[in-house]
Protein backbone atom coordinates (compact mmCIF):
# COMPACT_ATOMS: atom_id res chain seq x y z
CA MET A 1 -0.07 -0.13 -0.03
CA SER A 2 1.36 3.61 -1.44
CA ALA A 3 2.66 6.21 1.67
CA GLY A 4 0.01 8.53 0.02
CA LEU A 5 -2.73 6.32 0.64
CA GLU A 6 -1.76 5.55 4.50
CA ILE A 7 -1.70 9.07 5.42
CA TYR A 8 -5.10 9.57 3.28
CA LYS A 9 -6.55 7.16 5.69
CA ARG A 10 -5.65 9.15 8.57
CA LEU A 11 -6.70 12.39 7.40
CA PRO A 12 -10.39 13.15 9.19
CA VAL A 13 -13.11 13.35 6.56
CA TRP A 14 -13.07 17.21 6.13
CA ALA A 15 -9.32 16.91 5.24
CA GLN A 16 -10.11 13.80 3.08
CA HIS A 17 -12.35 15.84 0.81
CA GLY A 18 -9.49 18.51 0.54
CA ALA A 19 -6.81 16.11 -0.08
CA VAL A 20 -9.30 14.76 -2.90
CA SER A 21 -9.81 18.36 -4.13
CA VAL A 22 -6.13 18.91 -4.32
CA TYR A 23 -5.69 16.10 -6.49
CA GLY A 24 -8.32 17.30 -8.45
CA ALA A 25 -6.51 20.36 -9.45
CA TYR A 26 -3.67 18.31 -10.62
CA TRP A 27 -5.75 15.94 -12.75
CA HIS A 28 -7.65 18.75 -14.14
CA TRP A 29 -4.05 20.47 -15.07
CA LEU A 30 -3.11 16.72 -16.39
CA ARG A 31 -6.05 15.95 -18.45
CA PHE A 32 -7.25 19.08 -19.99
CA GLY A 33 -4.44 20.89 -20.02
CA PRO A 34 -2.44 22.55 -23.19
CA GLY A 35 -3.18 19.95 -26.33
CA TYR A 36 -6.36 18.73 -24.69
CA ALA A 37 -8.68 21.19 -27.29
CA GLY A 38 -6.60 20.52 -30.50
CA HIS A 39 -7.30 16.60 -29.63
CA ALA A 40 -10.77 17.28 -29.36
CA ARG A 41 -10.90 19.45 -32.48
CA ALA A 42 -9.18 16.64 -34.43
CA TYR A 43 -11.88 14.28 -33.38
CA GLN A 44 -14.70 16.42 -34.46
CA ARG A 45 -13.22 16.91 -38.04
CA ARG A 46 -12.73 13.32 -38.10
CA GLU A 47 -16.83 12.64 -37.06
CA SER A 48 -17.85 13.12 -40.90
CA PHE A 49 -15.33 11.07 -42.55
CA ARG A 50 -16.70 8.35 -44.77
CA PRO A 51 -15.93 4.46 -45.28
CA GLU A 52 -13.51 5.29 -47.92
CA GLN A 53 -11.86 8.30 -45.80
CA TRP A 54 -11.70 6.13 -42.79
CA GLY A 55 -9.73 3.47 -44.76
CA GLU A 56 -7.35 5.82 -46.08
CA TRP A 57 -6.28 7.69 -42.92
CA GLN A 58 -6.06 4.26 -40.65
CA ARG A 59 -3.80 3.11 -43.82
CA GLN A 60 -1.53 5.77 -43.38
CA ARG A 61 -1.59 5.97 -39.69
CA LEU A 62 -0.76 2.30 -39.79
CA ILE A 63 2.16 2.42 -41.93
CA GLN A 64 3.55 5.14 -39.06
CA LEU A 65 2.73 2.89 -36.39
CA LEU A 66 4.04 -0.25 -37.21
CA GLY A 67 7.27 0.82 -38.95
CA SER A 68 8.15 2.81 -35.64
CA ALA A 69 7.20 -0.27 -34.07
CA ALA A 70 9.32 -2.59 -35.72
CA LYS A 71 12.42 -0.14 -35.57
CA HIS A 72 12.16 1.50 -32.16
CA ILE A 73 10.30 -0.66 -30.10
CA PRO A 74 12.57 -3.51 -28.11
CA TYR A 75 9.83 -6.30 -27.91
CA TYR A 76 8.87 -6.06 -31.88
CA ARG A 77 12.40 -5.66 -32.97
CA GLU A 78 13.61 -8.56 -31.06
CA ASN A 79 10.91 -11.07 -31.42
CA TRP A 80 9.34 -10.06 -34.65
CA SER A 81 10.58 -12.66 -37.80
CA ALA A 82 12.08 -10.58 -40.91
CA SER A 83 8.83 -11.40 -42.45
CA ALA A 84 6.84 -9.30 -39.91
CA ILE A 85 9.05 -6.75 -40.00
CA ARG A 86 8.72 -6.22 -43.38
CA ALA A 87 4.64 -6.72 -43.33
CA ALA A 88 4.92 -3.67 -40.45
CA GLN A 89 6.91 -1.52 -42.44
CA ALA A 90 4.55 -2.05 -45.25
CA GLY A 91 1.55 -1.43 -43.11
CA GLU A 92 0.31 -5.01 -43.50
CA ILE A 93 -1.21 -5.66 -39.91
CA ARG A 94 -2.59 -9.24 -40.46
CA ASP A 95 0.98 -10.19 -41.55
CA VAL A 96 1.88 -9.46 -37.86
CA PRO A 97 1.90 -11.80 -35.15
CA LEU A 98 -0.53 -11.51 -32.59
CA LEU A 99 0.30 -9.92 -28.88
CA GLU A 100 -0.04 -11.83 -25.49
CA LYS A 101 -0.59 -10.32 -22.63
CA GLU A 102 2.39 -12.35 -20.57
CA PRO A 103 5.10 -10.53 -22.07
CA ILE A 104 3.49 -6.65 -21.29
CA ARG A 105 2.73 -8.09 -17.71
CA ALA A 106 6.41 -9.69 -17.25
CA HIS A 107 8.01 -6.72 -19.10
CA PRO A 108 6.12 -3.47 -19.63
CA GLU A 109 8.96 -1.43 -20.40
CA ALA A 110 10.00 -3.45 -23.47
CA PHE A 111 7.16 -1.84 -25.38
CA LEU A 112 8.55 1.32 -24.73
CA ARG A 113 9.99 3.73 -27.92
CA ASP A 114 14.05 3.58 -27.52
CA ASP A 115 13.96 7.06 -29.31
CA SER A 116 11.64 8.79 -27.20
CA ARG A 117 12.16 9.39 -23.11
CA PRO A 118 9.14 11.90 -22.81
CA GLN A 119 8.94 13.24 -19.20
CA PRO A 120 6.92 12.83 -17.07
CA THR A 121 5.24 9.60 -17.77
CA PHE A 122 2.53 8.15 -15.89
CA SER A 123 1.35 4.46 -14.83
CA PHE A 124 -2.06 3.03 -14.48
CA HIS A 125 -3.07 -0.37 -14.21
CA THR A 126 -5.85 -2.44 -16.03
CA SER A 127 -8.53 -4.14 -13.81
CA GLY A 128 -6.55 -7.63 -14.21
CA SER A 129 -9.97 -9.51 -15.05
CA THR A 130 -7.92 -11.78 -17.42
CA GLY A 131 -5.13 -12.48 -15.09
CA THR A 132 -3.06 -10.02 -12.74
CA PRO A 133 -2.92 -6.28 -13.85
CA ILE A 134 -0.95 -4.78 -16.60
CA ARG A 135 0.61 -1.70 -16.20
CA THR A 136 0.51 0.88 -18.90
CA ILE A 137 2.52 3.74 -19.17
CA TRP A 138 1.13 7.25 -20.61
CA THR A 139 2.54 10.27 -21.76
CA ILE A 140 0.59 13.55 -20.69
CA GLN A 141 -0.71 14.16 -24.27
CA GLU A 142 -2.23 10.65 -24.53
CA ILE A 143 -3.91 11.43 -21.28
CA ARG A 144 -5.49 14.57 -22.77
CA ASN A 145 -6.02 12.60 -26.02
CA SER A 146 -8.12 9.91 -24.54
CA LEU A 147 -10.37 12.58 -22.70
CA ALA A 148 -10.94 14.41 -25.59
CA LEU A 149 -12.16 11.52 -27.39
CA ARG A 150 -14.58 10.95 -24.43
CA GLU A 151 -15.42 14.05 -24.13
CA VAL A 152 -16.76 14.23 -28.27
CA ARG A 153 -17.66 10.74 -28.89
CA SER A 154 -19.29 10.10 -25.67
CA ASN A 155 -20.07 13.04 -23.46
CA ARG A 156 -21.36 15.12 -26.51
CA ILE A 157 -23.64 12.56 -27.66
CA ALA A 158 -25.25 11.89 -24.60
CA GLY A 159 -25.73 15.74 -23.65
CA VAL A 160 -23.22 15.72 -20.82
CA SER A 161 -19.74 17.29 -20.45
CA PHE A 162 -16.68 17.10 -18.24
CA ARG A 163 -17.51 20.89 -17.39
CA MET A 164 -20.74 20.02 -15.88
CA PRO A 165 -21.17 18.09 -12.18
CA ARG A 166 -20.43 14.59 -12.11
CA ALA A 167 -20.59 11.57 -9.64
CA THR A 168 -18.07 8.86 -10.45
CA PHE A 169 -18.15 5.02 -9.46
CA SER A 170 -14.63 3.43 -9.79
CA GLY A 171 -12.04 1.57 -7.69
CA ARG A 172 -11.08 4.44 -5.93
CA MET A 173 -10.42 4.06 -2.32
CA SER A 174 -12.57 7.39 -1.67
CA GLU A 175 -13.93 6.17 1.80
CA PRO A 176 -11.27 3.83 3.24
CA ASP A 177 -12.29 2.76 6.29
CA PRO A 178 -14.50 -0.17 5.64
CA GLU A 179 -16.67 0.26 8.54
CA SER A 180 -17.48 3.66 7.80
CA LYS A 181 -20.93 5.18 9.06
CA GLY A 182 -20.66 7.67 5.94
CA PRO A 183 -20.16 9.70 4.08
CA PHE A 184 -19.61 7.05 1.45
CA TYR A 185 -17.95 9.29 -1.24
CA ARG A 186 -15.34 12.19 -1.06
CA PHE A 187 -16.02 15.63 -3.03
CA ASN A 188 -13.59 17.04 -5.77
CA ALA A 189 -14.54 20.64 -5.71
CA VAL A 190 -12.54 21.92 -8.77
CA GLU A 191 -14.33 19.76 -10.73
CA ARG A 192 -17.49 19.42 -8.83
CA GLN A 193 -17.03 15.49 -8.90
CA VAL A 194 -18.43 12.74 -6.27
CA TYR A 195 -15.97 9.79 -6.09
CA PHE A 196 -18.43 6.79 -4.74
CA SER A 197 -17.11 4.36 -3.07
CA PRO A 198 -18.27 1.00 -4.25
CA PHE A 199 -17.46 -0.78 -1.56
CA HIS A 200 -20.26 0.24 0.76
CA LEU A 201 -22.89 0.24 -1.35
CA ARG A 202 -25.54 -1.88 0.87
CA PRO A 203 -29.34 -1.66 1.63
CA ASP A 204 -28.64 0.68 4.66
CA THR A 205 -26.61 3.12 2.56
CA ALA A 206 -28.56 3.39 -0.49
CA GLN A 207 -30.52 6.61 0.95
CA ARG A 208 -27.12 8.14 1.64
CA TYR A 209 -25.87 7.71 -2.15
CA VAL A 210 -28.52 9.52 -3.35
CA ASP A 211 -28.78 12.50 -0.96
CA ALA A 212 -24.87 13.06 -2.10
CA LEU A 213 -26.39 13.49 -5.63
CA ARG A 214 -29.13 16.01 -4.57
CA LYS A 215 -26.35 17.70 -2.19
CA HIS A 216 -23.96 18.25 -4.81
CA HIS A 217 -26.43 19.40 -7.85
CA ILE A 218 -25.22 16.26 -9.56
CA GLN A 219 -25.94 16.56 -13.34
CA TRP A 220 -24.68 13.01 -15.13
CA MET A 221 -22.74 10.24 -14.00
CA THR A 222 -20.14 7.86 -15.21
CA GLY A 223 -18.11 4.68 -13.94
CA TYR A 224 -18.96 1.16 -13.23
CA ALA A 225 -21.96 -0.40 -14.79
CA VAL A 226 -22.90 -2.99 -12.27
CA SER A 227 -22.62 -0.33 -9.58
CA TYR A 228 -25.17 1.73 -11.05
CA TYR A 229 -27.33 -1.45 -11.30
CA LEU A 230 -26.91 -2.28 -7.94
CA LEU A 231 -27.89 1.12 -6.75
CA ALA A 232 -30.65 1.11 -9.02
CA ARG A 233 -32.21 -1.84 -7.94
CA LEU A 234 -31.99 -0.78 -4.06
CA ILE A 235 -33.65 2.70 -5.29
CA LEU A 236 -36.52 0.84 -6.43
CA GLU A 237 -36.50 -1.53 -4.01
CA GLN A 238 -37.17 1.14 -1.14
CA ASN A 239 -39.09 3.79 -3.54
CA ILE A 240 -36.02 6.34 -2.98
CA GLU A 241 -36.69 9.41 -4.92
CA VAL A 242 -33.90 10.66 -6.84
CA PRO A 243 -32.96 14.14 -8.39
CA LYS A 244 -33.04 14.83 -12.16
CA ILE A 245 -29.74 13.01 -13.92
CA GLN A 246 -29.41 14.06 -17.44
CA ALA A 247 -27.61 11.01 -18.48
CA ILE A 248 -25.32 8.34 -17.08
CA ILE A 249 -22.60 6.93 -19.09
CA THR A 250 -21.44 2.95 -17.76
CA THR A 251 -17.89 1.66 -18.04
CA SER A 252 -15.82 -1.16 -17.23
CA GLU A 253 -18.44 -4.18 -17.22
CA LYS A 254 -20.74 -5.23 -19.67
CA LEU A 255 -24.30 -3.82 -19.70
CA THR A 256 -27.18 -6.35 -19.75
CA LEU A 257 -30.76 -5.47 -21.28
CA GLU A 258 -32.01 -6.06 -17.69
CA MET A 259 -29.07 -3.81 -16.45
CA ARG A 260 -29.99 -1.01 -18.47
CA ARG A 261 -33.64 -1.55 -17.74
CA VAL A 262 -33.30 -1.29 -14.30
CA ILE A 263 -30.82 1.47 -14.18
CA GLU A 264 -32.97 3.48 -16.75
CA THR A 265 -36.12 3.06 -14.51
CA GLY A 266 -34.52 3.91 -11.04
CA PHE A 267 -32.80 6.91 -12.21
CA ARG A 268 -35.45 8.06 -14.82
CA THR A 269 -32.66 9.01 -17.31
CA LYS A 270 -31.10 7.36 -20.30
CA VAL A 271 -27.97 5.18 -19.86
CA TYR A 272 -25.01 5.31 -22.51
CA GLU A 273 -22.60 2.62 -22.82
CA GLU A 274 -18.91 2.82 -23.38
CA TYR A 275 -16.60 -0.50 -24.36
CA SER A 276 -13.34 0.39 -23.75
CA THR A 277 -9.96 -0.55 -22.12
CA VAL A 278 -7.37 0.87 -19.60
CA GLU A 279 -4.58 0.38 -22.39
CA SER A 280 -6.61 2.48 -24.83
CA SER A 281 -6.87 -0.13 -27.38
CA LEU A 282 -10.22 0.84 -28.54
CA PHE A 283 -13.28 2.81 -28.23
CA ALA A 284 -16.61 2.29 -28.76
CA SER A 285 -19.34 4.59 -27.85
CA GLN A 286 -23.53 4.50 -27.93
CA CYS A 287 -25.15 6.82 -30.14
CA GLY A 288 -28.22 8.37 -30.16
CA HIS A 289 -29.98 5.24 -31.46
CA GLY A 290 -28.67 2.53 -29.14
CA ARG A 291 -25.52 1.63 -31.77
CA LEU A 292 -22.51 1.09 -30.31
CA HIS A 293 -20.04 2.93 -32.77
CA VAL A 294 -16.10 1.87 -32.94
CA SER A 295 -14.39 4.99 -33.60
CA PRO A 296 -11.75 4.10 -36.07
CA ASP A 297 -9.08 6.78 -35.39
CA VAL A 298 -8.64 5.20 -31.82
CA GLY A 299 -6.84 2.07 -33.56
CA VAL A 300 -7.77 -0.73 -35.77
CA VAL A 301 -10.23 -3.57 -34.54
CA GLU A 302 -10.18 -7.24 -35.68
CA ILE A 303 -12.63 -9.63 -34.59
CA LEU A 304 -11.17 -13.03 -35.64
CA ARG A 305 -11.77 -16.85 -35.24
CA PRO A 306 -9.71 -19.38 -33.67
CA ASP A 307 -7.96 -19.91 -36.91
CA GLY A 308 -7.02 -16.12 -37.20
CA SER A 309 -9.32 -15.40 -40.24
CA PRO A 310 -11.74 -12.11 -39.87
CA CYS A 311 -15.17 -13.02 -38.82
CA ASP A 312 -18.48 -12.19 -40.57
CA PRO A 313 -20.56 -9.78 -39.36
CA GLY A 314 -23.18 -11.20 -36.57
CA GLU A 315 -20.23 -13.82 -35.87
CA ALA A 316 -18.92 -13.77 -32.45
CA GLY A 317 -14.61 -13.99 -32.23
CA GLU A 318 -12.23 -12.71 -30.15
CA VAL A 319 -11.52 -9.20 -29.93
CA VAL A 320 -7.91 -8.07 -31.28
CA ALA A 321 -6.73 -4.52 -31.32
CA THR A 322 -4.12 -1.97 -32.23
CA SER A 323 -3.89 1.42 -30.67
CA PHE A 324 -3.57 4.57 -32.11
CA VAL A 325 -3.93 7.00 -28.94
CA ARG A 326 -0.69 5.88 -27.40
CA ASP A 327 2.58 5.79 -29.30
CA TYR A 328 4.78 5.80 -26.61
CA GLN A 329 4.22 2.07 -25.42
CA VAL A 330 3.03 0.45 -28.30
CA PHE A 331 0.63 -2.80 -28.27
CA VAL A 332 0.12 -4.64 -31.59
CA ARG A 333 -2.89 -6.79 -31.89
CA TYR A 334 -3.30 -7.06 -28.67
CA ARG A 335 -5.69 -10.02 -27.67
CA LEU A 336 -8.06 -8.04 -25.20
CA GLY A 337 -9.74 -11.43 -24.04
CA ASP A 338 -13.21 -10.14 -25.44
CA THR A 339 -15.63 -11.81 -27.47
CA ALA A 340 -17.90 -9.59 -29.68
CA ALA A 341 -19.44 -9.39 -32.95
CA TRP A 342 -19.93 -6.62 -35.81
CA ASP A 343 -23.31 -5.48 -37.16
CA ASP A 344 -23.36 -4.68 -41.14
CA CYS A 345 -26.77 -2.65 -40.51
CA GLU A 346 -26.37 0.70 -41.19
CA CYS A 347 -27.40 2.77 -38.24
CA GLU A 348 -29.93 5.98 -38.23
CA CYS A 349 -27.28 8.24 -36.99
CA GLN A 350 -25.56 8.13 -40.59
CA SER A 351 -22.34 7.84 -38.78
CA SER A 352 -19.60 5.81 -40.93
CA MET A 353 -18.16 4.04 -37.94
CA PRO A 354 -18.78 0.51 -37.62
CA ILE A 355 -21.09 -0.85 -35.49
CA LEU A 356 -20.85 -3.62 -33.09
CA LYS A 357 -23.50 -5.86 -32.85
CA GLU A 358 -22.68 -6.88 -29.32
CA VAL A 359 -19.94 -7.36 -26.95
CA LEU A 360 -19.65 -10.83 -24.87
CA GLY A 361 -18.22 -11.60 -21.47
CA ARG A 362 -17.09 -9.13 -19.16
CA THR A 363 -19.75 -9.76 -16.45
CA GLU A 364 -18.49 -10.60 -13.15
CA ASP A 365 -20.05 -12.16 -10.31
CA VAL A 366 -20.13 -9.40 -7.03
CA VAL A 367 -18.76 -10.03 -3.77
CA VAL A 368 -21.43 -9.55 -1.02
CA GLY A 369 -19.97 -8.60 2.37
CA PRO A 370 -21.57 -9.54 5.78
CA ASP A 371 -23.47 -6.38 6.35
CA GLY A 372 -24.96 -6.61 2.76
CA ARG A 373 -22.80 -4.52 0.70
CA GLN A 374 -22.25 -5.57 -3.21
CA MET A 375 -19.16 -4.36 -4.71
CA VAL A 376 -17.79 -5.71 -8.38
CA ARG A 377 -14.03 -5.15 -9.90
CA PHE A 378 -12.98 -6.76 -6.06
CA HIS A 379 -9.90 -8.17 -8.38
CA GLY A 380 -8.52 -4.88 -8.38
CA ILE A 381 -6.46 -6.22 -4.93
CA PHE A 382 -3.89 -7.76 -7.09
CA VAL A 383 -3.08 -4.06 -8.69
CA ASP A 384 0.75 -3.20 -7.51
CA GLN A 385 1.38 -6.70 -6.84
CA PRO A 386 4.46 -7.59 -8.48
CA HIS A 387 4.95 -11.26 -6.85
CA ILE A 388 1.42 -12.40 -8.36
CA ARG A 389 1.12 -13.86 -11.82
CA GLU A 390 -2.04 -14.48 -11.60
CA GLY A 391 -5.07 -14.39 -9.02
CA GLN A 392 -8.46 -15.43 -8.37
CA ILE A 393 -11.59 -14.35 -5.52
CA ILE A 394 -13.77 -16.95 -4.92
CA GLN A 395 -16.59 -15.93 -2.17
CA GLU A 396 -17.54 -19.46 -0.37
CA GLN A 397 -19.85 -17.86 2.31
CA LEU A 398 -20.74 -14.34 3.08
CA ASP A 399 -17.65 -14.49 5.90
CA LEU A 400 -15.12 -16.31 3.67
CA ILE A 401 -13.01 -15.71 0.58
CA ARG A 402 -10.82 -17.79 -0.81
CA VAL A 403 -8.03 -16.51 -2.88
CA LYS A 404 -5.79 -18.40 -5.16
CA ILE A 405 -2.59 -17.16 -6.24
CA VAL A 406 -0.06 -18.42 -8.93
CA ALA A 407 2.72 -17.03 -7.59
CA ALA A 408 5.68 -15.03 -9.23
CA PRO A 409 9.36 -15.16 -8.20
CA GLY A 410 9.97 -13.36 -5.08
CA PHE A 411 6.37 -14.37 -3.77
CA SER A 412 6.55 -14.65 0.28
CA ASP A 413 4.28 -14.53 3.55
CA ASN A 414 4.43 -10.47 3.37
CA ASP A 415 2.34 -11.03 -0.28
CA VAL A 416 0.02 -13.09 1.83
CA GLN A 417 -0.55 -10.81 4.63
CA ASP A 418 -1.11 -8.02 2.24
CA VAL A 419 -3.66 -9.74 0.26
CA ILE A 420 -5.47 -10.42 3.26
CA HIS A 421 -5.26 -6.60 4.15
CA ARG A 422 -6.33 -5.80 1.14
CA VAL A 423 -9.84 -8.00 1.03
CA GLN A 424 -10.39 -7.02 4.92
CA SER A 425 -10.25 -3.64 4.14
CA ARG A 426 -12.76 -3.62 2.02
CA LEU A 427 -15.31 -6.19 3.20
CA GLY A 428 -14.17 -5.66 7.21
CA PRO A 429 -12.18 -7.43 9.78
CA SER A 430 -14.54 -10.24 10.44
CA VAL A 431 -14.35 -11.45 7.39
CA ARG A 432 -11.71 -14.60 7.09
CA VAL A 433 -9.57 -15.08 3.93
CA LYS A 434 -7.84 -18.23 3.05
CA VAL A 435 -5.06 -17.83 0.90
CA GLU A 436 -4.20 -20.79 -1.60
CA GLN A 437 -0.84 -20.98 -3.76
CA VAL A 438 -1.55 -22.93 -6.83
CA GLU A 439 0.18 -23.95 -9.88
CA SER A 440 -2.40 -22.54 -12.39
CA ILE A 441 -6.16 -21.14 -12.61
CA PRO A 442 -8.34 -23.48 -14.53
CA ARG A 443 -10.23 -21.60 -17.21
CA THR A 444 -14.08 -22.01 -18.04
CA SER A 445 -15.48 -24.07 -20.82
CA ARG A 446 -14.97 -21.25 -23.36
CA GLY A 447 -10.86 -20.52 -22.43
CA LYS A 448 -12.00 -17.44 -20.02
CA PHE A 449 -10.14 -16.61 -17.18
CA GLN A 450 -12.96 -15.61 -14.37
CA ALA A 451 -11.31 -13.20 -11.97
CA VAL A 452 -14.03 -13.35 -9.26
CA VAL A 453 -16.21 -16.68 -8.58
CA SER A 454 -19.09 -16.52 -6.16
CA LEU A 455 -20.37 -19.82 -4.91
CA LEU A 456 -23.27 -17.78 -3.42
CA LYS A 457 -26.91 -18.61 -4.22
CA ASP A 458 -27.76 -15.01 -4.98
CA LYS A 459 -24.68 -13.36 -7.00
CA ARG A 460 -27.26 -10.15 -6.99
CA ILE A 461 -26.50 -9.15 -10.76
CA PRO A 462 -27.73 -10.98 -14.05
CA LEU A 463 -25.33 -12.73 -16.05
CA GLU A 464 -27.53 -13.67 -18.96
CA THR A 465 -25.88 -12.36 -22.33
CA GLY A 466 -27.50 -9.42 -23.92
CA ALA A 467 -27.02 -7.10 -26.71
CA ASN A 468 -25.32 -3.98 -25.76
CA ALA A 469 -27.53 -1.87 -28.19
C-alpha cells in the first residue's frame, strides 16, 4: 500500500475532501491542459468521414505506427520475424503476429519506444479481469487525447460534459474505512465531482448515496455499470426519490438488457454505454439510436476466428486491437480477452463508424459482504502486486473469501498478509481470508479466465448474455 494512501486514511473526513480537491486540481491540469482542445477538434473534424476516408486514414496511420514499432520498440524488434518486420513496414497488419498479455505483464518497459524519452510519464493498471493487472505507461498528451475522445464521442452524444458536475463509481478507495458510517464519497471541488465508494453499497446506505447527488447538484454520472445497477435496484426496492440526472454513461463491464432497464427505471434517465480498455486499445460508444460505434481513429479493431481469419458480421470472435492513441508504449494486435461481433446494418445516425452488434463476456460475479454491501471489480486487490502472476477471488460464504494465487518469483508471506489486508479493508475485519498458492487457475469451458467467482446462491447481478445496443 502506498505511503500516500496511508496518510490519506489517517486524515479526518473534511481533510480527505480537501486532499481529493487538491489532487483534483492536479488531475484537471493533467487531463485538460495544453493540447486537449486540439485533440478534441481533431476528433470532431473526423466525425463526418466516409468509409473510404476512414480506410485511407487508418492505412497511413498504420504505416507510420507499425514501421516505428519494428524499428524503435525493443520487444517487436527482437521477437518479430524478418517477414513480420517487412509486413509492419508496409503497414500490412494481418501479417504481424498477435500479442499476448503475458509479455506485457512481465516486461511493460520492453514496449516503450527507445527513440523517445518523454517526461513525465504516468502508470495506470488494467483491472486484471483476465489475470493480474498490466502496467500501462502514458505521456501527458496521450492522457489528454483519451479524455478529448470521451468528451467528443461519448459525453457530447449524451448531452453532458466534463465541465458539468458529475458522480463517478470507480475503484478508488475514496472511503478507506470498511466500517465507515459515512459519508460514502469524497468531493472534488475543482471539478465538482463526487467520487462514490463502490465498497460500501448496501441496503442501509443507498439513501446516503442519493442524498450526495442532491447535495452536490450532480447532473450526470459515469463509471462501473454494475455499481449503478446495484444502486438503482436498491432505489426501486426502497422507493427512494432521486434528483434529476441528465444521463448515465457506463464503463468497465458489459451492460445487459436487464441492467439497462433497471438503471433507466431507477434513475429515470437514459443510459449510454462505453466499451473501452485501460490500455486505450479501442473505443466504442453508444449513439442516440442505441448502436455501439467503434472509433476508427482510436485504433484498428479485428474480430477473429480461432484460425485467425476475420469473422463475418454477426459472427462472434476474439477481439484484437492496435491502438493509435498511445504511440509511446505500443501494443500491436493485442489480444484483449473479449469476445464480440460486428453489425453490418446501417445506423439511423448516419455515422460511417463500424458498429458492434454485441460484446460478450465482461460480466463478473459480485462479492457480497456480511453486512449486505455489494461490490464489483474486486480483483483490483491484485494491482501493484509484482509477486503475483495470476489471482482469483472465490467467495465461498458471506464471511469467507478464498484467494487462489499463481506466484511469481519473490512471493512470500508478506504478500499473503497484504492480500488478506486488502480483502478485509474492503469487506471488514470479520471476513476470513484463505490464501491458496496453486500452480495454475483453470479457465472456463470457453477458455476464459474468471477473476471473481461467487459460490453464493444469489450473485446479485443478472449474468445472462444480452446485446449491448
